[in-house]
């Protein structure tokens, strides 16, 4: 079962036109982002491994983790597009 995000709607439900690789990438990014809720399920990891090498999985995970870190800093420091526009 794909992770759920937003207002109780699965993000992946809206990407059915993407390739299997894109769907696996999005499922991985969402699972890593919501790790406290998903635990990054084995089936998500296994599906990603069907499409990408170990090094590509490492690279993707570093990208996801970096974006999550930047987002958390912006939120924590009360930054972001709306705040910058006000300032």
Foldseek 3Di string as FASTA:
>chain_A
DADADDPRHRPLVVVPVDDLQVSLLVSQLVCLLVCVPNVRDPVSVVSNVVPDDPVVVVVSSVVSVVVSVVVVVCVVVVHDDVVVVVD
